[in-house]
Amino acid sequence: MGESANMTECLRWAGPLPPQIRECRVACKDDCTLTSWSKFSECSGCGSSRSRKRSLTGRSKKKEHCLDEKLHPLEETETCPCDEFLSQPYGNWSACLLPDPSPPGSLQGWMSHREVKECGQGLRYRAVACIDQQGHLVNPTHCTDSGYMVEVCHIPCPLDCKLSDWSAWSACSASCGSGLKIRSKWLREKAFNGGRPCPKLDLKNQVYEAAPCHFECSQYEWRIEPWSICTINTVDDLPACGEGVQSRKIRCVKQETASGENSTLGDSLCDPEEMPPRAQVCFLACPNDCVVAPWGPWSNCPLQCDQGTARNRSRHILRLPASENSACPELVQSEPCILNSTCFSYQYTVSDWSTCQLSENAICGHGSRLRLVDCIRSDGKIVELQKCEQFGLINKYKLSESCVVDCPISCMLSDWSPWAECSHTCGNQGQFLRTRRILQEANEEGRPCPNQLTQIKPCPIKPCYTWRLSDWSPCTVEGAECGEGLRRRSLSCVVNRGNWPESPPQPVDEELCGDKLRQHIQQEMEQPCFVPCPGDCHLTVWSSWSSCQLTCLEGRSFETTGRQARSRAVIIQVMENQGSCPHQVFETQPCKVQGGNATVTSGGLEDGATMREQCGVSAQMVSMSQGGVSRRKGRPRSDTAIPRALNPSLTAPRAECVGVRRVTLR
């Protein structure tokens, strides 16, 4: 690198030899010295001017010949350069268009559409009209490479709904028996800009999960100790016998805890209604009294606890009285069966259903809903299930059922179609369009489908070059003032800006419009015409056929074949020729009405009959169009057609009724 080489090699491969000598100038003692020129000032627009300045330096400021601005100008002015073309933005910006996620033709699976987030940096476009110095619209590539103004834009990304983590499980909803325990999530952030929606929330913006739970009703029980010795209050030295009182200790303990001082709990944890008595009356038999055993258990009341039924208990004699005059106490007791007092009924009851319970780590799919069963007593107390079983009750409740938690399905879209062709070949109203379609609608908390299934981008604004026909010239007769002649029109190439209202068509070079000869062939550039001579009279050609007319009686028609008519009118050039011009001719032909439309039947036309005054015919019968010419006697007759558009003076106005109409032209 940087090593010397042979001069021949440099001349061969490095190009021409750089100049080795250049002119220079050393200022003489009397020369004027000036600063370098400043930069040109800014231009204010096309056609304006700009200037630059310099100043004398040193002793030159005092030299007289240096102060002569003709010899040493201190300011220069020049016309601002004009751009050849002017870019003019038109219309609104397009929507922000994101780049295609994959190049065309690449393989994409069905799942590739699932998680596409339509956000990030994109581009938006605005069409540019390119105008030349004459104000004509030209091809946009003269101003820009693409025909657009392009701007970077951003589409905000979607934000999914966010919930908190699961809370701890609540206590069981039932303090005794079966219930539900709840845990919940609460809303942290709502979905935004097409993010995944939240699941169904309650009024507190929470979503919950419920699971079955059971709280033992008999966790605590009354623990009793043996009765104390029967205590009798004796007077003097009487024997200790007869009625007395005995007591016992009662404690509330947990069922599974063995009895002991340390396991004693507060009495409030045990059911106060089931608390056994702490004291009772006792009886000690005196030596000669009857002695009986303790009372046995009460017999069971009927299952239905019917009114009028009773239950009994009994005891037996242990020792007869010494005296026959002394009697033993009663050996049998009876009491009525009273519901919720001396007898109870039982039935099964179930808790509420849980939410759908899925397998571990599953978020959707098949699962089960669960509930628990209890045995409830008629007074509302939950008892052991064995009680219901003892009474022969059958549990008919279903305790589990299958359920399904719908899986979240995100919206899936097709790829964007290719951009369609521009809706207009030129002008400023053209648009490119592309579309896509929904392959799979969103479900549950899946990402929703976007609203935008079509996108529009403006087309580059191109000039519209068209051939424009001029109006027809007046009818001219070669070498004469009247008679048969020609009228002409010309063809010119114009440019317009499509639907740009402030831009009327402007003439441009004919090469821009294409093949002029082809346009000449397609368009009729000359037409025969006629300039009437003084004294001629004119007869129009036949009018169009009228609508099919039926004979009606009291608003109803009993026939399907009607008549339709046509006519032609006489136009008179001068009043003196009235006698030599024919009258208006009137023709009819049969027609049929089928489904409201008239059809002409075969049979030909009737010869025209002269009609001078008959005003009962529909006005649709007369329609003046082309006309022929009938000259006065002694002059040759000419039937040359003169279209209405060529000579409006030869067209008769529409008549109210069919009859002879004479128009005098002056």
Foldseek 3Di string as FASTA:
>chain_A
DPDDDDPVVCCVPVHDDPDPDDDDDDDDPPDWDKDDKDDWDDDPAQFGKIKIFIGTDDCLVVDPVSPPCVVPPGMDMDGDDHDQKDKDWDDDKFPFDADFPDDPPDDDDQCNQAPDWPWFKGKIWTAIFIAGPVRFTAFLCVPPVARIDIDIDTGDTKDAWDKDDKDDWAPFPDQAFKEKIKIKIATDDAIPDQHFGDFDADPRRMDMFIDMDHHHPPQKDKDKDDKDPFDADDDDPDDPFFKGKIFIDIFIFGPVDDDDPVRGDDPVSDDPVPGDDGMDMDGGDDPQAWAKDDKDDKDAWDQVLDWPAKIKIFIGTPGHGNDPVHDHDDGMDMDRRDEPPNHKHKDKDKYDWTPFDDPPPDDWFKGKIFIDMFMAIPVGDTDHPVVCVVVVHDDPDDGMDMDTGDDWGAWGKDGKDPWDPWPDPAAFPTKTKIFIDTPDATDRRYRGDDPDGMTIGTHHHHKDKEKDKDDKDAFDCPPDDWFKGKIFIDIFIWIFRHPDVVTDTDGDDPVVHPDPVVVPVVDPGMDMATGDDAQWKKKFDKFDKFFFDADDDPRHGDDFKGKIKIKIAIEGAAPVCPVQDDWIWMKMFIWGADPNHIGGDDDDIDGTDAFADDFPDALRRYDTFWIAIQGGPPDDGTGDTHGCSNPVVPTDDRDRGDHYDYHYHD
